[in-house]
C-alpha atoms as a PDB file:
ATOM      1  CA  MET A   1      -0.043  -0.003   0.170  1.00  0.00           C
ATOM      2  CA  PHE A   2       2.702   2.523   0.954  1.00  0.00           C
ATOM      3  CA  SER A   3       4.726   1.935  -2.512  1.00  0.00           C
ATOM      4  CA  ILE A   4       1.391   2.444  -4.418  1.00  0.00           C
ATOM      5  CA  ILE A   5       0.703   5.792  -2.480  1.00  0.00           C
ATOM      6  CA  LEU A   6       4.534   6.916  -3.001  1.00  0.00           C
ATOM      7  CA  ILE A   7       4.228   6.247  -6.673  1.00  0.00           C
ATOM      8  CA  LEU A   8       1.135   8.384  -6.922  1.00  0.00           C
ATOM      9  CA  SER A   9       2.626  11.153  -4.825  1.00  0.00           C
ATOM     10  CA  VAL A  10       5.310  11.516  -7.368  1.00  0.00           C
ATOM     11  CA  PHE A  11       3.249  11.323 -10.477  1.00  0.00           C
ATOM     12  CA  ALA A  12      -0.104  13.012  -9.272  1.00  0.00           C
ATOM     13  CA  PRO A  13       1.100  16.610 -10.399  1.00  0.00           C
ATOM     14  CA  LEU A  14       1.513  15.537 -13.914  1.00  0.00           C
ATOM     15  CA  GLN A  15      -1.156  16.234 -16.382  1.00  0.00           C
ATOM     16  CA  ALA A  16      -3.518  13.263 -16.808  1.00  0.00           C
ATOM     17  CA  GLN A  17      -2.522  12.628 -20.447  1.00  0.00           C
ATOM     18  CA  THR A  18      -0.001  13.988 -23.035  1.00  0.00           C
ATOM     19  CA  ASP A  19      -0.576  17.298 -25.029  1.00  0.00           C
ATOM     20  CA  SER A  20      -4.296  17.608 -26.359  1.00  0.00           C
ATOM     21  CA  LEU A  21      -4.750  16.414 -29.527  1.00  0.00           C
ATOM     22  CA  PHE A  22      -7.491  19.104 -30.139  1.00  0.00           C
ATOM     23  CA  ALA A  23      -7.086  22.713 -30.322  1.00  0.00           C
ATOM     24  CA  ILE A  24     -10.076  24.838 -28.531  1.00  0.00           C
ATOM     25  CA  SER A  25     -12.236  25.225 -31.077  1.00  0.00           C
ATOM     26  CA  SER A  26     -15.103  27.878 -32.184  1.00  0.00           C
ATOM     27  CA  ASP A  27     -18.651  27.214 -30.582  1.00  0.00           C
ATOM     28  CA  THR A  28     -19.773  25.396 -33.741  1.00  0.00           C
ATOM     29  CA  HIS A  29     -16.381  23.962 -35.325  1.00  0.00           C
ATOM     30  CA  ILE A  30     -15.810  20.075 -34.335  1.00  0.00           C
ATOM     31  CA  HIS A  31     -12.661  18.402 -35.371  1.00  0.00           C
ATOM     32  CA  TRP A  32     -14.694  15.082 -36.546  1.00  0.00           C
ATOM     33  CA  LEU A  33     -12.021  12.222 -35.903  1.00  0.00           C
ATOM     34  CA  SER A  34     -11.106   9.837 -38.588  1.00  0.00           C
ATOM     35  CA  LEU A  35      -9.749   6.237 -37.790  1.00  0.00           C
ATOM     36  CA  VAL A  36      -6.076   5.760 -38.904  1.00  0.00           C
ATOM     37  CA  ARG A  37      -5.435   2.013 -37.725  1.00  0.00           C
ATOM     38  CA  GLU A  38      -7.217  -0.436 -35.760  1.00  0.00           C
ATOM     39  CA  ASN A  39      -4.711  -2.269 -33.669  1.00  0.00           C
ATOM     40  CA  ARG A  40      -5.725  -5.851 -32.790  1.00  0.00           C
ATOM     41  CA  GLN A  41      -6.616  -6.606 -29.368  1.00  0.00           C
ATOM     42  CA  ILE A  42      -4.198  -8.102 -26.540  1.00  0.00           C
ATOM     43  CA  SER A  43      -4.568  -9.660 -23.232  1.00  0.00           C
ATOM     44  CA  PHE A  44      -1.891  -9.639 -19.962  1.00  0.00           C
ATOM     45  CA  ASN A  45      -3.347 -12.445 -18.007  1.00  0.00           C
ATOM     46  CA  ALA A  46      -0.112 -13.181 -16.505  1.00  0.00           C
ATOM     47  CA  GLU A  47       0.475  -9.644 -15.221  1.00  0.00           C
ATOM     48  CA  ILE A  48      -3.174  -8.609 -13.789  1.00  0.00           C
ATOM     49  CA  PRO A  49      -5.479 -10.519 -11.718  1.00  0.00           C
ATOM     50  CA  PRO A  50      -9.004 -11.982 -13.393  1.00  0.00           C
ATOM     51  CA  GLY A  51     -11.322  -8.934 -13.363  1.00  0.00           C
ATOM     52  CA  ASN A  52     -14.617  -7.484 -13.874  1.00  0.00           C
ATOM     53  CA  TYR A  53     -13.021  -4.316 -15.415  1.00  0.00           C
ATOM     54  CA  SER A  54     -15.601  -1.619 -16.116  1.00  0.00           C
ATOM     55  CA  GLY A  55     -13.483   1.721 -16.290  1.00  0.00           C
ATOM     56  CA  ILE A  56     -10.142   3.253 -16.980  1.00  0.00           C
ATOM     57  CA  THR A  57      -8.735   6.961 -16.768  1.00  0.00           C
ATOM     58  CA  PRO A  58      -5.092   8.119 -17.140  1.00  0.00           C
ATOM     59  CA  ILE A  59      -3.600   9.691 -13.909  1.00  0.00           C
ATOM     60  CA  GLY A  60      -0.097  10.693 -15.514  1.00  0.00           C
ATOM     61  CA  ASN A  61       3.520   9.250 -16.662  1.00  0.00           C
ATOM     62  CA  GLY A  62       1.929   5.993 -17.871  1.00  0.00           C
ATOM     63  CA  LEU A  63      -0.111   5.373 -14.985  1.00  0.00           C
ATOM     64  CA  TYR A  64      -3.949   4.454 -15.163  1.00  0.00           C
ATOM     65  CA  ALA A  65      -6.767   4.108 -12.555  1.00  0.00           C
ATOM     66  CA  VAL A  66      -9.000   0.797 -13.463  1.00  0.00           C
ATOM     67  CA  VAL A  67     -12.502   0.180 -11.295  1.00  0.00           C
ATOM     68  CA  ASP A  68     -13.772  -3.594 -11.299  1.00  0.00           C
ATOM     69  CA  ASP A  69     -17.351  -3.550 -10.541  1.00  0.00           C
ATOM     70  CA  LYS A  70     -17.244  -6.656  -8.497  1.00  0.00           C
ATOM     71  CA  MET A  71     -14.670  -5.797  -6.126  1.00  0.00           C
ATOM     72  CA  GLN A  72     -14.967  -3.789  -2.934  1.00  0.00           C
ATOM     73  CA  ASP A  73     -14.920  -0.045  -3.488  1.00  0.00           C
ATOM     74  CA  GLY A  74     -11.567   1.154  -4.664  1.00  0.00           C
ATOM     75  CA  PHE A  75      -9.649   1.328  -7.604  1.00  0.00           C
ATOM     76  CA  TYR A  76      -6.373  -0.425  -9.184  1.00  0.00           C
ATOM     77  CA  VAL A  77      -3.380   1.397 -10.484  1.00  0.00           C
ATOM     78  CA  PHE A  78      -1.792  -0.103 -13.598  1.00  0.00           C
ATOM     79  CA  SER A  79       1.334   1.068 -15.573  1.00  0.00           C
ATOM     80  CA  LEU A  80       0.779   0.639 -19.297  1.00  0.00           C
ATOM     81  CA  LYS A  81       3.447   1.178 -22.104  1.00  0.00           C
ATOM     82  CA  PHE A  82       2.797   1.662 -25.881  1.00  0.00           C
ATOM     83  CA  ASN A  83       4.947   1.635 -28.905  1.00  0.00           C
ATOM     84  CA  GLN A  84       4.918   4.119 -31.582  1.00  0.00           C
ATOM     85  CA  ARG A  85       2.156   2.447 -33.336  1.00  0.00           C
ATOM     86  CA  GLY A  86      -0.095   3.160 -30.282  1.00  0.00           C
ATOM     87  CA  GLU A  87       0.220  -0.593 -29.637  1.00  0.00           C
ATOM     88  CA  LEU A  88       0.185  -1.666 -26.035  1.00  0.00           C
ATOM     89  CA  THR A  89       3.188  -3.574 -25.091  1.00  0.00           C
ATOM     90  CA  SER A  90       2.990  -4.192 -21.432  1.00  0.00           C
ATOM     91  CA  VAL A  91       0.894  -3.905 -18.334  1.00  0.00           C
ATOM     92  CA  TYR A  92       1.800  -3.985 -14.900  1.00  0.00           C
ATOM     93  CA  ASN A  93      -0.499  -4.092 -11.885  1.00  0.00           C
ATOM     94  CA  VAL A  94       0.880  -1.625  -9.053  1.00  0.00           C
ATOM     95  CA  GLY A  95      -1.839  -2.394  -6.685  1.00  0.00           C
ATOM     96  CA  PHE A  96      -5.414  -2.166  -5.463  1.00  0.00           C
ATOM     97  CA  LEU A  97      -6.553   1.041  -3.366  1.00  0.00           C
ATOM     98  CA  GLU A  98      -9.398   0.431  -1.014  1.00  0.00           C
ATOM     99  CA  SER A  99     -11.882   3.060   0.144  1.00  0.00           C
ATOM    100  CA  GLY A 100     -13.203   0.996   3.048  1.00  0.00           C
ATOM    101  CA  ASN A 101     -16.703   0.958   1.934  1.00  0.00           C
ATOM    102  CA  ALA A 102     -18.613  -1.824   0.317  1.00  0.00           C
ATOM    103  CA  ASN A 103     -19.096  -2.607  -3.311  1.00  0.00           C
ATOM    104  CA  ARG A 104     -20.772   0.214  -5.207  1.00  0.00           C
ATOM    105  CA  ASP A 105     -20.890  -1.760  -8.429  1.00  0.00           C
ATOM    106  CA  ALA A 106     -18.342   1.066  -9.749  1.00  0.00           C
ATOM    107  CA  GLU A 107     -18.672   1.353 -13.628  1.00  0.00           C
ATOM    108  CA  GLY A 108     -16.952   4.570 -14.764  1.00  0.00           C
ATOM    109  CA  ILE A 109     -13.614   6.307 -13.400  1.00  0.00           C
ATOM    110  CA  ILE A 110     -12.138   9.826 -14.312  1.00  0.00           C
ATOM    111  CA  PHE A 111      -8.986  11.940 -12.955  1.00  0.00           C
ATOM    112  CA  VAL A 112      -9.332  15.674 -12.237  1.00  0.00           C
ATOM    113  CA  PRO A 113      -6.117  17.319 -12.441  1.00  0.00           C
ATOM    114  CA  SER A 114      -6.957  20.458 -10.660  1.00  0.00           C
ATOM    115  CA  THR A 115      -7.760  18.486  -7.615  1.00  0.00           C
ATOM    116  CA  LYS A 116      -5.834  15.451  -8.020  1.00  0.00           C
ATOM    117  CA  THR A 117      -8.793  13.227  -7.297  1.00  0.00           C
ATOM    118  CA  ILE A 118     -10.472  10.232  -8.691  1.00  0.00           C
ATOM    119  CA  PHE A 119     -14.430  10.108  -9.108  1.00  0.00           C
ATOM    120  CA  THR A 120     -16.334   6.986  -9.901  1.00  0.00           C
ATOM    121  CA  SER A 121     -19.769   6.044 -10.784  1.00  0.00           C
ATOM    122  CA  GLY A 122     -21.635   3.402  -9.178  1.00  0.00           C
ATOM    123  CA  GLU A 123     -24.327   1.801 -10.383  1.00  0.00           C
ATOM    124  CA  LYS A 124     -25.952   0.101  -7.403  1.00  0.00           C
ATOM    125  CA  ARG A 125     -27.126   3.740  -6.159  1.00  0.00           C
ATOM    126  CA  ASN A 126     -26.668   5.657  -9.233  1.00  0.00           C
ATOM    127  CA  ASP A 127     -23.954   8.289  -7.412  1.00  0.00           C
ATOM    128  CA  VAL A 128     -20.558   9.432  -8.401  1.00  0.00           C
ATOM    129  CA  LEU A 129     -18.144  10.003  -5.538  1.00  0.00           C
ATOM    130  CA  GLU A 130     -14.867  11.549  -5.176  1.00  0.00           C
ATOM    131  CA  TYR A 131     -11.525   9.976  -3.618  1.00  0.00           C
ATOM    132  CA  GLY A 132      -8.031  11.114  -3.192  1.00  0.00           C
ATOM    133  CA  LEU A 133      -4.994   9.314  -4.804  1.00  0.00           C
ATOM    134  CA  ASP A 134      -4.790   6.956  -1.570  1.00  0.00           C
ATOM    135  CA  GLY A 135      -8.188   5.531  -2.361  1.00  0.00           C
ATOM    136  CA  LYS A 136     -10.046   7.168   0.593  1.00  0.00           C
ATOM    137  CA  PRO A 137     -13.335   9.112   0.272  1.00  0.00           C
ATOM    138  CA  THR A 138     -13.130  12.749   0.389  1.00  0.00           C
ATOM    139  CA  PHE A 139     -16.849  12.878   0.937  1.00  0.00           C
ATOM    140  CA  ARG A 140     -17.657  15.130  -2.066  1.00  0.00           C
ATOM    141  CA  GLU A 141     -19.941  13.947  -4.941  1.00  0.00           C
ATOM    142  CA  LEU A 142     -21.783  15.106  -8.186  1.00  0.00           C
ATOM    143  CA  LYS A 143     -25.132  16.320  -7.351  1.00  0.00           C
ATOM    144  CA  ILE A 144     -27.129  13.792  -9.631  1.00  0.00           C
ATOM    145  CA  PRO A 145     -30.549  14.998 -10.577  1.00  0.00           C
ATOM    146  CA  ASP A 146     -33.654  13.116  -9.017  1.00  0.00           C
ATOM    147  CA  VAL A 147     -34.576  11.988 -12.404  1.00  0.00           C
ATOM    148  CA  PHE A 148     -31.838   9.362 -12.486  1.00  0.00           C
ATOM    149  CA  LYS A 149     -33.495   7.513  -9.728  1.00  0.00           C
ATOM    150  CA  LYS A 150     -35.757   6.221 -12.430  1.00  0.00           C
ATOM    151  CA  ALA A 151     -32.791   4.276 -13.691  1.00  0.00           C
ATOM    152  CA  LYS A 152     -33.647   0.380 -14.372  1.00  0.00           C
ATOM    153  CA  PRO A 153     -32.033  -2.112 -12.298  1.00  0.00           C
ATOM    154  CA  ASN A 154     -28.410  -2.548 -13.275  1.00  0.00           C
ATOM    155  CA  ARG A 155     -28.796  -0.178 -16.429  1.00  0.00           C
ATOM    156  CA  GLY A 156     -27.700   2.720 -14.323  1.00  0.00           C
ATOM    157  CA  LEU A 157     -24.888   5.428 -14.515  1.00  0.00           C
ATOM    158  CA  GLU A 158     -22.552   3.153 -16.306  1.00  0.00           C
ATOM    159  CA  SER A 159     -20.296   5.812 -18.242  1.00  0.00           C
ATOM    160  CA  LEU A 160     -18.464   8.783 -16.630  1.00  0.00           C
ATOM    161  CA  ALA A 161     -16.247  11.285 -18.276  1.00  0.00           C
ATOM    162  CA  TYR A 162     -14.337  14.547 -17.601  1.00  0.00           C
ATOM    163  CA  ASN A 163     -12.552  17.151 -19.530  1.00  0.00           C
ATOM    164  CA  ALA A 164     -10.273  19.767 -17.937  1.00  0.00           C
ATOM    165  CA  ASN A 165     -10.481  22.335 -20.924  1.00  0.00           C
ATOM    166  CA  MET A 166     -14.232  22.446 -20.902  1.00  0.00           C
ATOM    167  CA  HIS A 167     -14.273  22.025 -16.892  1.00  0.00           C
ATOM    168  CA  LEU A 168     -17.324  19.793 -17.416  1.00  0.00           C
ATOM    169  CA  PHE A 169     -18.254  15.992 -16.034  1.00  0.00           C
ATOM    170  CA  TRP A 170     -20.329  14.079 -17.836  1.00  0.00           C
ATOM    171  CA  THR A 171     -22.538  10.826 -17.601  1.00  0.00           C
ATOM    172  CA  THR A 172     -25.306   8.913 -18.547  1.00  0.00           C
ATOM    173  CA  THR A 173     -27.224   5.705 -18.076  1.00  0.00           C
ATOM    174  CA  GLU A 174     -26.722   2.520 -19.689  1.00  0.00           C
ATOM    175  CA  SER A 175     -30.269   2.044 -21.141  1.00  0.00           C
ATOM    176  CA  PRO A 176     -32.919   5.027 -21.181  1.00  0.00           C
ATOM    177  CA  LEU A 177     -34.662   5.654 -18.035  1.00  0.00           C
ATOM    178  CA  LYS A 178     -38.156   4.204 -17.202  1.00  0.00           C
ATOM    179  CA  GLU A 179     -40.627   5.923 -19.209  1.00  0.00           C
ATOM    180  CA  ASP A 180     -38.034   7.590 -21.594  1.00  0.00           C
ATOM    181  CA  SER A 181     -37.016   6.123 -25.139  1.00  0.00           C
ATOM    182  CA  ILE A 182     -33.766   8.107 -25.083  1.00  0.00           C
ATOM    183  CA  LEU A 183     -30.558   8.633 -23.034  1.00  0.00           C
ATOM    184  CA  ARG A 184     -30.132  11.798 -20.990  1.00  0.00           C
ATOM    185  CA  LEU A 185     -26.463  13.171 -21.241  1.00  0.00           C
ATOM    186  CA  GLN A 186     -25.945  14.880 -18.132  1.00  0.00           C
ATOM    187  CA  SER A 187     -23.119  17.245 -17.581  1.00  0.00           C
ATOM    188  CA  PHE A 188     -21.598  18.872 -14.230  1.00  0.00           C
ATOM    189  CA  GLY A 189     -19.385  21.767 -13.590  1.00  0.00           C
ATOM    190  CA  ASP A 190     -16.499  21.739 -11.580  1.00  0.00           C
ATOM    191  CA  ASP A 191     -18.690  23.017  -8.592  1.00  0.00           C
ATOM    192  CA  LEU A 192     -20.014  19.359  -8.887  1.00  0.00           C
ATOM    193  CA  GLN A 193     -23.590  20.802  -9.775  1.00  0.00           C
ATOM    194  CA  PRO A 194     -25.744  19.922 -12.520  1.00  0.00           C
ATOM    195  CA  ARG A 195     -25.463  22.098 -16.008  1.00  0.00           C
ATOM    196  CA  GLU A 196     -26.956  21.133 -18.785  1.00  0.00           C
ATOM    197  CA  SER A 197     -28.902  17.785 -20.178  1.00  0.00           C
ATOM    198  CA  PHE A 198     -29.221  16.511 -23.840  1.00  0.00           C
ATOM    199  CA  SER A 199     -30.906  13.582 -25.479  1.00  0.00           C
ATOM    200  CA  TYR A 200     -29.039  10.672 -27.328  1.00  0.00           C
ATOM    201  CA  ARG A 201     -30.846   8.176 -29.243  1.00  0.00           C
ATOM    202  CA  LEU A 202     -29.018   4.653 -29.259  1.00  0.00           C
ATOM    203  CA  ASP A 203     -28.859   2.758 -32.318  1.00  0.00           C
ATOM    204  CA  ASP A 204     -31.433  -0.106 -32.580  1.00  0.00           C
ATOM    205  CA  PRO A 205     -30.418  -3.442 -31.757  1.00  0.00           C
ATOM    206  CA  ASP A 206     -29.499  -6.363 -34.032  1.00  0.00           C
ATOM    207  CA  SER A 207     -32.534  -8.381 -34.210  1.00  0.00           C
ATOM    208  CA  THR A 208     -31.096 -11.357 -36.422  1.00  0.00           C
ATOM    209  CA  ILE A 209     -29.451 -12.949 -33.550  1.00  0.00           C
ATOM    210  CA  VAL A 210     -31.660 -14.657 -30.479  1.00  0.00           C
ATOM    211  CA  GLY A 211     -30.271 -14.840 -27.137  1.00  0.00           C
ATOM    212  CA  ASN A 212     -29.553 -12.681 -23.953  1.00  0.00           C
ATOM    213  CA  ARG A 213     -28.991  -9.044 -24.544  1.00  0.00           C
ATOM    214  CA  VAL A 214     -27.027  -6.311 -23.355  1.00  0.00           C
ATOM    215  CA  HIS A 215     -27.436  -3.109 -25.384  1.00  0.00           C
ATOM    216  CA  GLY A 216     -26.477   0.544 -24.153  1.00  0.00           C
ATOM    217  CA  VAL A 217     -23.817   3.078 -23.524  1.00  0.00           C
ATOM    218  CA  SER A 218     -20.597   1.553 -21.681  1.00  0.00           C
ATOM    219  CA  ALA A 219     -18.156   4.331 -21.575  1.00  0.00           C
ATOM    220  CA  MET A 220     -17.587   7.785 -22.491  1.00  0.00           C
ATOM    221  CA  THR A 221     -14.834  10.072 -23.323  1.00  0.00           C
ATOM    222  CA  ALA A 222     -15.074  13.939 -23.144  1.00  0.00           C
ATOM    223  CA  LEU A 223     -12.910  16.106 -25.733  1.00  0.00           C
ATOM    224  CA  ASP A 224     -11.259  19.206 -25.580  1.00  0.00           C
ATOM    225  CA  ASP A 225     -13.712  20.743 -28.340  1.00  0.00           C
ATOM    226  CA  GLY A 226     -16.589  19.984 -26.209  1.00  0.00           C
ATOM    227  CA  SER A 227     -17.568  16.900 -28.234  1.00  0.00           C
ATOM    228  CA  LEU A 228     -17.954  13.325 -27.006  1.00  0.00           C
ATOM    229  CA  LEU A 229     -16.894  10.070 -27.612  1.00  0.00           C
ATOM    230  CA  ILE A 230     -19.729   7.462 -27.034  1.00  0.00           C
ATOM    231  CA  LEU A 231     -19.226   3.877 -26.930  1.00  0.00           C
ATOM    232  CA  GLU A 232     -22.493   1.687 -27.818  1.00  0.00           C
ATOM    233  CA  ARG A 233     -22.064  -1.799 -26.801  1.00  0.00           C
ATOM    234  CA  GLU A 234     -24.457  -4.712 -27.650  1.00  0.00           C
ATOM    235  CA  ALA A 235     -23.591  -7.838 -26.170  1.00  0.00           C
ATOM    236  CA  LEU A 236     -25.406 -11.122 -27.336  1.00  0.00           C
ATOM    237  CA  THR A 237     -25.250 -14.383 -25.486  1.00  0.00           C
ATOM    238  CA  THR A 238     -26.598 -17.550 -27.286  1.00  0.00           C
ATOM    239  CA  LYS A 239     -27.836 -20.606 -25.045  1.00  0.00           C
ATOM    240  CA  GLU A 240     -25.209 -22.677 -26.732  1.00  0.00           C
ATOM    241  CA  LYS A 241     -22.522 -20.050 -26.159  1.00  0.00           C
ATOM    242  CA  LEU A 242     -21.255 -20.527 -29.813  1.00  0.00           C
ATOM    243  CA  GLY A 243     -22.442 -17.816 -31.859  1.00  0.00           C
ATOM    244  CA  SER A 244     -22.284 -15.079 -28.971  1.00  0.00           C
ATOM    245  CA  CYS A 245     -20.803 -11.971 -30.077  1.00  0.00           C
ATOM    246  CA  VAL A 246     -20.300  -8.306 -28.991  1.00  0.00           C
ATOM    247  CA  LYS A 247     -20.875  -5.413 -31.252  1.00  0.00           C
ATOM    248  CA  CYS A 248     -18.962  -2.125 -30.554  1.00  0.00           C
ATOM    249  CA  LYS A 249     -19.812   1.289 -31.875  1.00  0.00           C
ATOM    250  CA  ILE A 250     -17.529   4.566 -31.143  1.00  0.00           C
ATOM    251  CA  TYR A 251     -19.522   7.787 -31.991  1.00  0.00           C
ATOM    252  CA  GLN A 252     -18.512  11.490 -31.604  1.00  0.00           C
ATOM    253  CA  VAL A 253     -21.094  13.895 -30.800  1.00  0.00           C
ATOM    254  CA  ASN A 254     -21.377  17.425 -29.855  1.00  0.00           C
ATOM    255  CA  PRO A 255     -24.674  17.514 -27.908  1.00  0.00           C
ATOM    256  CA  ARG A 256     -24.913  21.385 -27.520  1.00  0.00           C
ATOM    257  CA  TYR A 257     -25.386  21.916 -31.085  1.00  0.00           C
ATOM    258  CA  SER A 258     -26.633  18.774 -32.560  1.00  0.00           C
ATOM    259  CA  SER A 259     -28.018  15.465 -32.314  1.00  0.00           C
ATOM    260  CA  ASP A 260     -26.104  14.028 -35.146  1.00  0.00           C
ATOM    261  CA  LYS A 261     -23.576  11.243 -34.434  1.00  0.00           C
ATOM    262  CA  HIS A 262     -20.338  10.858 -36.109  1.00  0.00           C
ATOM    263  CA  LEU A 263     -19.343   7.123 -36.400  1.00  0.00           C
ATOM    264  CA  VAL A 264     -15.307   6.967 -35.826  1.00  0.00           C
ATOM    265  CA  HIS A 265     -15.366   3.047 -35.596  1.00  0.00           C
ATOM    266  CA  GLU A 266     -17.169  -0.239 -35.321  1.00  0.00           C
ATOM    267  CA  TRP A 267     -16.028  -3.739 -34.719  1.00  0.00           C
ATOM    268  CA  LYS A 268     -17.113  -6.964 -33.499  1.00  0.00           C
ATOM    269  CA  THR A 269     -15.940  -9.885 -31.592  1.00  0.00           C
ATOM    270  CA  THR A 270     -17.261 -13.458 -31.210  1.00  0.00           C
ATOM    271  CA  ILE A 271     -17.355 -16.981 -29.899  1.00  0.00           C
ATOM    272  CA  SER A 272     -17.443 -19.577 -32.811  1.00  0.00           C
ATOM    273  CA  LEU A 273     -15.376 -22.545 -33.403  1.00  0.00           C
ATOM    274  CA  PHE A 274     -12.653 -20.843 -35.211  1.00  0.00           C
ATOM    275  CA  HIS A 275     -12.695 -17.411 -33.215  1.00  0.00           C
ATOM    276  CA  GLN A 276     -12.604 -16.993 -29.642  1.00  0.00           C
ATOM    277  CA  ASP A 277     -11.978 -13.127 -29.255  1.00  0.00           C
ATOM    278  CA  TYR A 278     -15.220 -12.122 -27.358  1.00  0.00           C
ATOM    279  CA  ALA A 279     -14.743  -8.893 -25.527  1.00  0.00           C
ATOM    280  CA  ASN A 280     -17.257  -6.900 -23.608  1.00  0.00           C
ATOM    281  CA  TYR A 281     -15.680  -3.454 -23.788  1.00  0.00           C
ATOM    282  CA  GLU A 282     -16.606  -1.441 -20.799  1.00  0.00           C
ATOM    283  CA  GLY A 283     -13.958   1.197 -20.368  1.00  0.00           C
ATOM    284  CA  MET A 284     -12.425   3.851 -22.791  1.00  0.00           C
ATOM    285  CA  CYS A 285      -9.993   6.809 -22.194  1.00  0.00           C
ATOM    286  CA  LEU A 286      -7.609   8.680 -24.273  1.00  0.00           C
ATOM    287  CA  GLY A 287      -4.001   7.119 -24.255  1.00  0.00           C
ATOM    288  CA  PRO A 288      -1.031   8.831 -25.405  1.00  0.00           C
ATOM    289  CA  LYS A 289      -0.541  11.305 -28.321  1.00  0.00           C
ATOM    290  CA  LEU A 290       1.908   9.775 -30.994  1.00  0.00           C
ATOM    291  CA  GLU A 291       4.704  11.125 -32.568  1.00  0.00           C
ATOM    292  CA  ASP A 292       2.817  11.867 -35.773  1.00  0.00           C
ATOM    293  CA  GLY A 293       0.140  13.654 -33.877  1.00  0.00           C
ATOM    294  CA  SER A 294      -2.369  10.860 -33.974  1.00  0.00           C
ATOM    295  CA  GLN A 295      -4.270   9.812 -30.674  1.00  0.00           C
ATOM    296  CA  VAL A 296      -4.711   6.825 -28.891  1.00  0.00           C
ATOM    297  CA  ILE A 297      -8.070   5.671 -27.730  1.00  0.00           C
ATOM    298  CA  LEU A 298      -7.748   3.089 -24.964  1.00  0.00           C
ATOM    299  CA  LEU A 299     -10.256   0.156 -24.414  1.00  0.00           C
ATOM    300  CA  ILE A 300     -10.797  -2.381 -21.713  1.00  0.00           C
ATOM    301  CA  SER A 301     -12.935  -5.225 -21.435  1.00  0.00           C
ATOM    302  CA  ASP A 302     -15.180  -6.825 -18.723  1.00  0.00           C
ATOM    303  CA  SER A 303     -14.153 -10.871 -18.545  1.00  0.00           C
ATOM    304  CA  GLN A 304     -16.568 -11.814 -15.835  1.00  0.00           C
ATOM    305  CA  ASN A 305     -13.453 -12.794 -14.004  1.00  0.00           C
ATOM    306  CA  ARG A 306     -12.322 -14.702 -17.022  1.00  0.00           C
ATOM    307  CA  TYR A 307     -15.633 -16.687 -17.420  1.00  0.00           C
ATOM    308  CA  SER A 308     -15.260 -20.457 -17.627  1.00  0.00           C
ATOM    309  CA  GLY A 309     -11.651 -20.082 -18.294  1.00  0.00           C
ATOM    310  CA  PHE A 310     -12.041 -19.137 -21.986  1.00  0.00           C
ATOM    311  CA  LEU A 311     -12.420 -15.280 -21.568  1.00  0.00           C
ATOM    312  CA  SER A 312      -9.797 -13.053 -21.521  1.00  0.00           C
ATOM    313  CA  ASP A 313      -9.319  -9.449 -19.925  1.00  0.00           C
ATOM    314  CA  TRP A 314      -8.616  -7.784 -23.478  1.00  0.00           C
ATOM    315  CA  PHE A 315      -7.168  -4.467 -24.047  1.00  0.00           C
ATOM    316  CA  LYS A 316      -7.640  -2.740 -27.541  1.00  0.00           C
ATOM    317  CA  THR A 317      -6.374   0.697 -28.999  1.00  0.00           C
ATOM    318  CA  LEU A 318      -7.856   2.576 -31.835  1.00  0.00           C
ATOM    319  CA  ILE A 319      -5.598   5.248 -33.577  1.00  0.00           C
ATOM    320  CA  VAL A 320      -7.451   8.252 -34.601  1.00  0.00           C
ATOM    321  CA  LYS A 321      -6.801  11.754 -35.936  1.00  0.00           C
END
């Protein structure tokens, strides 16, 4: 525990990520991202414990805080290294920092550079609480509007984002609230009070596959120009398990000015006789900026503790510009 806190005390003053890819734009201008390269997903099962990893955020100098929705309240610290293609080359588990509280079903996590603190969203009570870099609660939290009490069980505050340039937090539920047909994207200021709320319409689910379906927004990342990256994830599990798949789409949106969704990338992972790369991606954040000016998007999956011994804790990087 002491070694983890010592590492964080050295690196905490550093900016949460490298120099921003995005210049401050005019109110109506958005730099729409294009995919440069999709890197293959990769696991580091020997280096990290089996997990239910559901959120990830950079905290400086190659360190990332990671939440596991089945662990006691707190977060892991992982050390990640990338090559110049933006491929992840190593992951090292620095350790787990406990808050002392019971499990909150933590789903999203962000780091705020100005306060050097961590916030996590808990789906059990649909709250967003703040922690120090030692993992201990500060007893501050986002003031979540009462309407989010209408979240469906296990379909609540799944995603969490923060952008230091815009001084805004963002969250939304995994699926629409009871009586709603659309999602509500909710912003908060640095004072932790609610700001604006915007509608977001999910794509229709795939009706060609029969099975147990989880469909909704699993992660969100806020960019310097005010736009958001939103990960729509549809996980389909068949009775026989063969044919199960996860479909992921990352959209870029600017909710203040338009309801349009710009598709950045989509991909699919499956369980089949010849292909077993099934990966339920629940965490997303910005990674490093590469020498050519392109930006790494980093994703982490929830393997349900490496379910039945054939699922892996997958990581994936996308390179955009």
